[in-house]
Amino acid sequence: MVDYKVVENLLLRLLSILVGVFSESEANEVTEFINAGEYGLALDTLIDIIDEESKSVPQEVVELAKQTAIAMNLDGIVMKKRLEGVVSAK
């Protein structure tokens, strides 16, 4: 069973880490999905933004995205692989 509060908190943690990486409009787009309870869309959108905009993110983002996917009963390895090429040296 999915604990949606845990999922929401993980997504909000991801956004807090990405404050200096995401623009305000990018963060707002993800936040709107979180506020609507559309956690899968929020995670997909977050990853799509990172990928499509070639954002460089810390390893912590990759691990948190994987944890978030697992918390939603999704394949965490797939999420991790989607982000492997965008990890910064930080």
PDB file of N, CA and C in Angstrom:
ATOM      1  N   MET A   1       0.846  -1.182   0.000  1.00  0.00           N
ATOM      2  CA  MET A   1       0.000   0.000   0.000  1.00  0.00           C
ATOM      3  C   MET A   1       0.896   1.251   0.000  1.00  0.00           C
ATOM      4  N   VAL A   2       0.527   2.193  -0.810  1.00  0.00           N
ATOM      5  CA  VAL A   2       1.318   3.410  -0.957  1.00  0.00           C
ATOM      6  C   VAL A   2       0.974   4.399   0.163  1.00  0.00           C
ATOM      7  N   ASP A   3       2.001   4.901   0.836  1.00  0.00           N
ATOM      8  CA  ASP A   3       1.822   5.949   1.842  1.00  0.00           C
ATOM      9  C   ASP A   3       2.044   7.284   1.132  1.00  0.00           C
ATOM     10  N   TYR A   4       0.941   7.924   0.770  1.00  0.00           N
ATOM     11  CA  TYR A   4       1.020   9.128  -0.056  1.00  0.00           C
ATOM     12  C   TYR A   4       1.683  10.295   0.660  1.00  0.00           C
ATOM     13  N   LYS A   5       1.633  10.322   1.970  1.00  0.00           N
ATOM     14  CA  LYS A   5       2.317  11.391   2.711  1.00  0.00           C
ATOM     15  C   LYS A   5       3.832  11.245   2.563  1.00  0.00           C
ATOM     16  N   VAL A   6       4.311  10.014   2.606  1.00  0.00           N
ATOM     17  CA  VAL A   6       5.745   9.753   2.409  1.00  0.00           C
ATOM     18  C   VAL A   6       6.145  10.168   0.995  1.00  0.00           C
ATOM     19  N   VAL A   7       5.337   9.790   0.010  1.00  0.00           N
ATOM     20  CA  VAL A   7       5.617  10.138  -1.388  1.00  0.00           C
ATOM     21  C   VAL A   7       5.649  11.658  -1.554  1.00  0.00           C
ATOM     22  N   GLU A   8       4.660  12.334  -0.989  1.00  0.00           N
ATOM     23  CA  GLU A   8       4.607  13.798  -1.084  1.00  0.00           C
ATOM     24  C   GLU A   8       5.835  14.432  -0.446  1.00  0.00           C
ATOM     25  N   ASN A   9       6.233  13.938   0.716  1.00  0.00           N
ATOM     26  CA  ASN A   9       7.411  14.485   1.394  1.00  0.00           C
ATOM     27  C   ASN A   9       8.688  14.256   0.589  1.00  0.00           C
ATOM     28  N   LEU A  10       8.813  13.103  -0.050  1.00  0.00           N
ATOM     29  CA  LEU A  10       9.977  12.826  -0.890  1.00  0.00           C
ATOM     30  C   LEU A  10      10.013  13.776  -2.090  1.00  0.00           C
ATOM     31  N   LEU A  11       8.869  13.987  -2.713  1.00  0.00           N
ATOM     32  CA  LEU A  11       8.798  14.912  -3.845  1.00  0.00           C
ATOM     33  C   LEU A  11       9.148  16.334  -3.427  1.00  0.00           C
ATOM     34  N   LEU A  12       8.661  16.755  -2.273  1.00  0.00           N
ATOM     35  CA  LEU A  12       8.974  18.100  -1.784  1.00  0.00           C
ATOM     36  C   LEU A  12      10.461  18.221  -1.445  1.00  0.00           C
ATOM     37  N   ARG A  13      11.050  17.146  -0.935  1.00  0.00           N
ATOM     38  CA  ARG A  13      12.501  17.145  -0.681  1.00  0.00           C
ATOM     39  C   ARG A  13      13.277  17.293  -1.981  1.00  0.00           C
ATOM     40  N   LEU A  14      12.836  16.568  -3.006  1.00  0.00           N
ATOM     41  CA  LEU A  14      13.478  16.692  -4.318  1.00  0.00           C
ATOM     42  C   LEU A  14      13.426  18.133  -4.800  1.00  0.00           C
ATOM     43  N   LEU A  15      12.272  18.740  -4.703  1.00  0.00           N
ATOM     44  CA  LEU A  15      12.138  20.137  -5.139  1.00  0.00           C
ATOM     45  C   LEU A  15      13.020  21.069  -4.332  1.00  0.00           C
ATOM     46  N   SER A  16      13.139  20.820  -3.041  1.00  0.00           N
ATOM     47  CA  SER A  16      13.969  21.703  -2.207  1.00  0.00           C
ATOM     48  C   SER A  16      15.444  21.601  -2.602  1.00  0.00           C
ATOM     49  N   ILE A  17      15.877  20.432  -2.999  1.00  0.00           N
ATOM     50  CA  ILE A  17      17.259  20.256  -3.453  1.00  0.00           C
ATOM     51  C   ILE A  17      17.477  20.968  -4.788  1.00  0.00           C
ATOM     52  N   LEU A  18      16.426  21.046  -5.595  1.00  0.00           N
ATOM     53  CA  LEU A  18      16.530  21.611  -6.939  1.00  0.00           C
ATOM     54  C   LEU A  18      16.233  23.108  -7.010  1.00  0.00           C
ATOM     55  N   VAL A  19      16.163  23.772  -5.866  1.00  0.00           N
ATOM     56  CA  VAL A  19      15.852  25.201  -5.834  1.00  0.00           C
ATOM     57  C   VAL A  19      16.793  26.011  -6.718  1.00  0.00           C
ATOM     58  N   GLY A  20      18.048  25.765  -6.682  1.00  0.00           N
ATOM     59  CA  GLY A  20      18.996  26.525  -7.495  1.00  0.00           C
ATOM     60  C   GLY A  20      19.136  26.019  -8.923  1.00  0.00           C
ATOM     61  N   VAL A  21      18.486  24.898  -9.220  1.00  0.00           N
ATOM     62  CA  VAL A  21      18.601  24.265 -10.530  1.00  0.00           C
ATOM     63  C   VAL A  21      17.362  24.536 -11.388  1.00  0.00           C
ATOM     64  N   PHE A  22      16.196  24.427 -10.788  1.00  0.00           N
ATOM     65  CA  PHE A  22      14.933  24.649 -11.500  1.00  0.00           C
ATOM     66  C   PHE A  22      14.569  26.125 -11.504  1.00  0.00           C
ATOM     67  N   SER A  23      13.977  26.563 -12.593  1.00  0.00           N
ATOM     68  CA  SER A  23      13.418  27.915 -12.623  1.00  0.00           C
ATOM     69  C   SER A  23      12.149  27.913 -11.781  1.00  0.00           C
ATOM     70  N   GLU A  24      11.653  29.084 -11.485  1.00  0.00           N
ATOM     71  CA  GLU A  24      10.426  29.190 -10.697  1.00  0.00           C
ATOM     72  C   GLU A  24       9.260  28.515 -11.415  1.00  0.00           C
ATOM     73  N   SER A  25       9.162  28.700 -12.725  1.00  0.00           N
ATOM     74  CA  SER A  25       8.045  28.098 -13.471  1.00  0.00           C
ATOM     75  C   SER A  25       8.167  26.572 -13.516  1.00  0.00           C
ATOM     76  N   GLU A  26       9.388  26.055 -13.592  1.00  0.00           N
ATOM     77  CA  GLU A  26       9.575  24.603 -13.577  1.00  0.00           C
ATOM     78  C   GLU A  26       9.169  24.024 -12.227  1.00  0.00           C
ATOM     79  N   ALA A  27       9.598  24.673 -11.163  1.00  0.00           N
ATOM     80  CA  ALA A  27       9.236  24.218  -9.819  1.00  0.00           C
ATOM     81  C   ALA A  27       7.731  24.314  -9.603  1.00  0.00           C
ATOM     82  N   ASN A  28       7.114  25.387 -10.102  1.00  0.00           N
ATOM     83  CA  ASN A  28       5.667  25.549  -9.960  1.00  0.00           C
ATOM     84  C   ASN A  28       4.902  24.460 -10.690  1.00  0.00           C
ATOM     85  N   GLU A  29       5.401  24.066 -11.853  1.00  0.00           N
ATOM     86  CA  GLU A  29       4.734  23.007 -12.624  1.00  0.00           C
ATOM     87  C   GLU A  29       4.705  21.705 -11.825  1.00  0.00           C
ATOM     88  N   VAL A  30       5.825  21.348 -11.225  1.00  0.00           N
ATOM     89  CA  VAL A  30       5.895  20.125 -10.416  1.00  0.00           C
ATOM     90  C   VAL A  30       5.031  20.277  -9.163  1.00  0.00           C
ATOM     91  N   THR A  31       5.091  21.435  -8.530  1.00  0.00           N
ATOM     92  CA  THR A  31       4.317  21.686  -7.318  1.00  0.00           C
ATOM     93  C   THR A  31       2.813  21.565  -7.567  1.00  0.00           C
ATOM     94  N   GLU A  32       2.365  22.034  -8.719  1.00  0.00           N
ATOM     95  CA  GLU A  32       0.935  21.923  -9.055  1.00  0.00           C
ATOM     96  C   GLU A  32       0.487  20.464  -9.084  1.00  0.00           C
ATOM     97  N   PHE A  33       1.314  19.592  -9.640  1.00  0.00           N
ATOM     98  CA  PHE A  33       0.966  18.165  -9.652  1.00  0.00           C
ATOM     99  C   PHE A  33       0.977  17.583  -8.245  1.00  0.00           C
ATOM    100  N   ILE A  34       1.936  17.994  -7.431  1.00  0.00           N
ATOM    101  CA  ILE A  34       1.983  17.516  -6.045  1.00  0.00           C
ATOM    102  C   ILE A  34       0.734  17.961  -5.305  1.00  0.00           C
ATOM    103  N   ASN A  35       0.384  19.227  -5.434  1.00  0.00           N
ATOM    104  CA  ASN A  35      -0.797  19.758  -4.738  1.00  0.00           C
ATOM    105  C   ASN A  35      -2.093  19.087  -5.188  1.00  0.00           C
ATOM    106  N   ALA A  36      -2.117  18.612  -6.430  1.00  0.00           N
ATOM    107  CA  ALA A  36      -3.300  17.932  -6.959  1.00  0.00           C
ATOM    108  C   ALA A  36      -3.304  16.439  -6.616  1.00  0.00           C
ATOM    109  N   GLY A  37      -2.251  15.984  -5.943  1.00  0.00           N
ATOM    110  CA  GLY A  37      -2.157  14.569  -5.599  1.00  0.00           C
ATOM    111  C   GLY A  37      -1.753  13.694  -6.774  1.00  0.00           C
ATOM    112  N   GLU A  38      -1.253  14.299  -7.818  1.00  0.00           N
ATOM    113  CA  GLU A  38      -0.801  13.580  -9.018  1.00  0.00           C
ATOM    114  C   GLU A  38       0.704  13.308  -8.893  1.00  0.00           C
ATOM    115  N   TYR A  39       1.040  12.415  -7.965  1.00  0.00           N
ATOM    116  CA  TYR A  39       2.438  12.204  -7.614  1.00  0.00           C
ATOM    117  C   TYR A  39       3.243  11.559  -8.744  1.00  0.00           C
ATOM    118  N   GLY A  40       2.641  10.650  -9.474  1.00  0.00           N
ATOM    119  CA  GLY A  40       3.326  10.040 -10.608  1.00  0.00           C
ATOM    120  C   GLY A  40       3.660  11.067 -11.675  1.00  0.00           C
ATOM    121  N   LEU A  41       2.700  11.937 -11.975  1.00  0.00           N
ATOM    122  CA  LEU A  41       2.941  13.011 -12.938  1.00  0.00           C
ATOM    123  C   LEU A  41       3.995  13.983 -12.424  1.00  0.00           C
ATOM    124  N   ALA A  42       3.968  14.248 -11.129  1.00  0.00           N
ATOM    125  CA  ALA A  42       4.958  15.154 -10.540  1.00  0.00           C
ATOM    126  C   ALA A  42       6.365  14.586 -10.714  1.00  0.00           C
ATOM    127  N   LEU A  43       6.539  13.299 -10.418  1.00  0.00           N
ATOM    128  CA  LEU A  43       7.858  12.685 -10.544  1.00  0.00           C
ATOM    129  C   LEU A  43       8.285  12.620 -12.008  1.00  0.00           C
ATOM    130  N   ASP A  44       7.374  12.217 -12.886  1.00  0.00           N
ATOM    131  CA  ASP A  44       7.705  12.169 -14.314  1.00  0.00           C
ATOM    132  C   ASP A  44       8.071  13.545 -14.848  1.00  0.00           C
ATOM    133  N   THR A  45       7.316  14.556 -14.454  1.00  0.00           N
ATOM    134  CA  THR A  45       7.577  15.916 -14.911  1.00  0.00           C
ATOM    135  C   THR A  45       8.932  16.397 -14.404  1.00  0.00           C
ATOM    136  N   LEU A  46       9.218  16.138 -13.140  1.00  0.00           N
ATOM    137  CA  LEU A  46      10.498  16.524 -12.554  1.00  0.00           C
ATOM    138  C   LEU A  46      11.653  15.894 -13.332  1.00  0.00           C
ATOM    139  N   ILE A  47      11.542  14.611 -13.610  1.00  0.00           N
ATOM    140  CA  ILE A  47      12.599  13.915 -14.338  1.00  0.00           C
ATOM    141  C   ILE A  47      12.678  14.412 -15.782  1.00  0.00           C
ATOM    142  N   ASP A  48      11.519  14.635 -16.405  1.00  0.00           N
ATOM    143  CA  ASP A  48      11.503  15.150 -17.778  1.00  0.00           C
ATOM    144  C   ASP A  48      12.181  16.516 -17.867  1.00  0.00           C
ATOM    145  N   ILE A  49      11.912  17.383 -16.911  1.00  0.00           N
ATOM    146  CA  ILE A  49      12.539  18.714 -16.907  1.00  0.00           C
ATOM    147  C   ILE A  49      14.053  18.581 -16.802  1.00  0.00           C
ATOM    148  N   ILE A  50      14.493  17.735 -15.887  1.00  0.00           N
ATOM    149  CA  ILE A  50      15.938  17.526 -15.722  1.00  0.00           C
ATOM    150  C   ILE A  50      16.552  17.019 -17.026  1.00  0.00           C
ATOM    151  N   ASP A  51      15.894  16.050 -17.631  1.00  0.00           N
ATOM    152  CA  ASP A  51      16.414  15.432 -18.851  1.00  0.00           C
ATOM    153  C   ASP A  51      16.341  16.378 -20.051  1.00  0.00           C
ATOM    154  N   GLU A  52      15.167  16.932 -20.306  1.00  0.00           N
ATOM    155  CA  GLU A  52      14.959  17.764 -21.498  1.00  0.00           C
ATOM    156  C   GLU A  52      15.726  19.083 -21.451  1.00  0.00           C
ATOM    157  N   GLU A  53      15.902  19.619 -20.254  1.00  0.00           N
ATOM    158  CA  GLU A  53      16.612  20.891 -20.109  1.00  0.00           C
ATOM    159  C   GLU A  53      18.093  20.690 -19.795  1.00  0.00           C
ATOM    160  N   SER A  54      18.534  19.441 -19.807  1.00  0.00           N
ATOM    161  CA  SER A  54      19.940  19.090 -19.521  1.00  0.00           C
ATOM    162  C   SER A  54      20.433  19.704 -18.218  1.00  0.00           C
ATOM    163  N   LYS A  55      19.608  19.568 -17.184  1.00  0.00           N
ATOM    164  CA  LYS A  55      19.978  20.077 -15.862  1.00  0.00           C
ATOM    165  C   LYS A  55      21.022  19.149 -15.238  1.00  0.00           C
ATOM    166  N   SER A  56      21.980  19.727 -14.588  1.00  0.00           N
ATOM    167  CA  SER A  56      22.976  18.961 -13.863  1.00  0.00           C
ATOM    168  C   SER A  56      22.543  18.913 -12.399  1.00  0.00           C
ATOM    169  N   VAL A  57      22.380  17.697 -11.867  1.00  0.00           N
ATOM    170  CA  VAL A  57      21.853  17.553 -10.506  1.00  0.00           C
ATOM    171  C   VAL A  57      22.799  16.716  -9.651  1.00  0.00           C
ATOM    172  N   PRO A  58      22.739  16.909  -8.335  1.00  0.00           N
ATOM    173  CA  PRO A  58      23.577  16.096  -7.447  1.00  0.00           C
ATOM    174  C   PRO A  58      23.071  14.651  -7.380  1.00  0.00           C
ATOM    175  N   GLN A  59      23.941  13.745  -7.011  1.00  0.00           N
ATOM    176  CA  GLN A  59      23.603  12.321  -6.883  1.00  0.00           C
ATOM    177  C   GLN A  59      22.413  12.120  -5.948  1.00  0.00           C
ATOM    178  N   GLU A  60      22.280  12.969  -4.963  1.00  0.00           N
ATOM    179  CA  GLU A  60      21.169  12.858  -4.005  1.00  0.00           C
ATOM    180  C   GLU A  60      19.821  12.884  -4.715  1.00  0.00           C
ATOM    181  N   VAL A  61      19.699  13.654  -5.784  1.00  0.00           N
ATOM    182  CA  VAL A  61      18.444  13.734  -6.541  1.00  0.00           C
ATOM    183  C   VAL A  61      18.130  12.380  -7.176  1.00  0.00           C
ATOM    184  N   VAL A  62      19.149  11.735  -7.717  1.00  0.00           N
ATOM    185  CA  VAL A  62      18.952  10.428  -8.343  1.00  0.00           C
ATOM    186  C   VAL A  62      18.466   9.423  -7.307  1.00  0.00           C
ATOM    187  N   GLU A  63      19.104   9.412  -6.157  1.00  0.00           N
ATOM    188  CA  GLU A  63      18.721   8.470  -5.099  1.00  0.00           C
ATOM    189  C   GLU A  63      17.315   8.758  -4.567  1.00  0.00           C
ATOM    190  N   LEU A  64      16.995  10.043  -4.382  1.00  0.00           N
ATOM    191  CA  LEU A  64      15.649  10.395  -3.903  1.00  0.00           C
ATOM    192  C   LEU A  64      14.577  10.068  -4.935  1.00  0.00           C
ATOM    193  N   ALA A  65      14.878  10.253  -6.210  1.00  0.00           N
ATOM    194  CA  ALA A  65      13.918   9.905  -7.264  1.00  0.00           C
ATOM    195  C   ALA A  65      13.662   8.400  -7.238  1.00  0.00           C
ATOM    196  N   LYS A  66      14.721   7.636  -7.043  1.00  0.00           N
ATOM    197  CA  LYS A  66      14.579   6.178  -6.949  1.00  0.00           C
ATOM    198  C   LYS A  66      13.729   5.801  -5.734  1.00  0.00           C
ATOM    199  N   GLN A  67      14.009   6.409  -4.578  1.00  0.00           N
ATOM    200  CA  GLN A  67      13.226   6.142  -3.360  1.00  0.00           C
ATOM    201  C   GLN A  67      11.763   6.510  -3.563  1.00  0.00           C
ATOM    202  N   THR A  68      11.522   7.626  -4.244  1.00  0.00           N
ATOM    203  CA  THR A  68      10.160   8.081  -4.487  1.00  0.00           C
ATOM    204  C   THR A  68       9.420   7.084  -5.368  1.00  0.00           C
ATOM    205  N   ALA A  69      10.081   6.624  -6.417  1.00  0.00           N
ATOM    206  CA  ALA A  69       9.470   5.637  -7.308  1.00  0.00           C
ATOM    207  C   ALA A  69       9.131   4.358  -6.544  1.00  0.00           C
ATOM    208  N   ILE A  70      10.063   3.904  -5.726  1.00  0.00           N
ATOM    209  CA  ILE A  70       9.826   2.688  -4.942  1.00  0.00           C
ATOM    210  C   ILE A  70       8.661   2.892  -3.978  1.00  0.00           C
ATOM    211  N   ALA A  71       8.583   4.069  -3.365  1.00  0.00           N
ATOM    212  CA  ALA A  71       7.481   4.373  -2.439  1.00  0.00           C
ATOM    213  C   ALA A  71       6.136   4.354  -3.151  1.00  0.00           C
ATOM    214  N   MET A  72       6.148   4.578  -4.474  1.00  0.00           N
ATOM    215  CA  MET A  72       4.913   4.548  -5.268  1.00  0.00           C
ATOM    216  C   MET A  72       4.718   3.196  -5.950  1.00  0.00           C
ATOM    217  N   ASN A  73       5.515   2.211  -5.557  1.00  0.00           N
ATOM    218  CA  ASN A  73       5.461   0.875  -6.150  1.00  0.00           C
ATOM    219  C   ASN A  73       5.799   0.886  -7.638  1.00  0.00           C
ATOM    220  N   LEU A  74       6.697   1.792  -8.028  1.00  0.00           N
ATOM    221  CA  LEU A  74       7.198   1.848  -9.400  1.00  0.00           C
ATOM    222  C   LEU A  74       8.601   1.263  -9.413  1.00  0.00           C
ATOM    223  N   ASP A  75       9.149   1.087 -10.583  1.00  0.00           N
ATOM    224  CA  ASP A  75      10.493   0.542 -10.719  1.00  0.00           C
ATOM    225  C   ASP A  75      11.531   1.633 -10.465  1.00  0.00           C
ATOM    226  N   GLY A  76      12.159   1.597  -9.311  1.00  0.00           N
ATOM    227  CA  GLY A  76      13.152   2.593  -8.940  1.00  0.00           C
ATOM    228  C   GLY A  76      14.383   2.567  -9.827  1.00  0.00           C
ATOM    229  N   ILE A  77      14.724   1.404 -10.343  1.00  0.00           N
ATOM    230  CA  ILE A  77      15.898   1.282 -11.215  1.00  0.00           C
ATOM    231  C   ILE A  77      15.672   2.057 -12.510  1.00  0.00           C
ATOM    232  N   VAL A  78      14.459   1.983 -13.043  1.00  0.00           N
ATOM    233  CA  VAL A  78      14.138   2.723 -14.272  1.00  0.00           C
ATOM    234  C   VAL A  78      14.288   4.222 -14.033  1.00  0.00           C
ATOM    235  N   MET A  79      13.783   4.708 -12.907  1.00  0.00           N
ATOM    236  CA  MET A  79      13.898   6.133 -12.583  1.00  0.00           C
ATOM    237  C   MET A  79      15.365   6.530 -12.460  1.00  0.00           C
ATOM    238  N   LYS A  80      16.133   5.695 -11.803  1.00  0.00           N
ATOM    239  CA  LYS A  80      17.558   5.984 -11.617  1.00  0.00           C
ATOM    240  C   LYS A  80      18.266   6.050 -12.965  1.00  0.00           C
ATOM    241  N   LYS A  81      17.958   5.110 -13.863  1.00  0.00           N
ATOM    242  CA  LYS A  81      18.601   5.083 -15.180  1.00  0.00           C
ATOM    243  C   LYS A  81      18.238   6.322 -15.993  1.00  0.00           C
ATOM    244  N   ARG A  82      17.019   6.831 -15.827  1.00  0.00           N
ATOM    245  CA  ARG A  82      16.611   8.034 -16.553  1.00  0.00           C
ATOM    246  C   ARG A  82      17.457   9.238 -16.162  1.00  0.00           C
ATOM    247  N   LEU A  83      18.039   9.206 -14.976  1.00  0.00           N
ATOM    248  CA  LEU A  83      18.790  10.354 -14.468  1.00  0.00           C
ATOM    249  C   LEU A  83      20.304  10.153 -14.461  1.00  0.00           C
ATOM    250  N   GLU A  84      20.777   8.992 -14.818  1.00  0.00           N
ATOM    251  CA  GLU A  84      22.202   8.703 -14.696  1.00  0.00           C
ATOM    252  C   GLU A  84      23.121   9.681 -15.418  1.00  0.00           C
ATOM    253  N   GLY A  85      22.718  10.167 -16.558  1.00  0.00           N
ATOM    254  CA  GLY A  85      23.603  11.042 -17.342  1.00  0.00           C
ATOM    255  C   GLY A  85      23.613  12.492 -16.929  1.00  0.00           C
ATOM    256  N   VAL A  86      22.844  12.846 -15.904  1.00  0.00           N
ATOM    257  CA  VAL A  86      22.721  14.264 -15.552  1.00  0.00           C
ATOM    258  C   VAL A  86      23.303  14.592 -14.179  1.00  0.00           C
ATOM    259  N   VAL A  87      24.029  13.674 -13.595  1.00  0.00           N
ATOM    260  CA  VAL A  87      24.591  13.899 -12.264  1.00  0.00           C
ATOM    261  C   VAL A  87      25.799  14.811 -12.366  1.00  0.00           C
ATOM    262  N   SER A  88      25.810  15.843 -11.536  1.00  0.00           N
ATOM    263  CA  SER A  88      26.935  16.780 -11.508  1.00  0.00           C
ATOM    264  C   SER A  88      28.054  16.227 -10.640  1.00  0.00           C
ATOM    265  N   ALA A  89      29.164  16.880 -10.675  1.00  0.00           N
ATOM    266  CA  ALA A  89      30.316  16.456  -9.885  1.00  0.00           C
ATOM    267  C   ALA A  89      30.241  16.959  -8.450  1.00  0.00           C
ATOM    268  N   LYS A  90      29.174  17.634  -8.078  1.00  0.00           N
ATOM    269  CA  LYS A  90      29.044  18.208  -6.735  1.00  0.00           C
ATOM    270  C   LYS A  90      28.968  17.148  -5.672  1.00  0.00           C
TER     271      LYS A  90
END
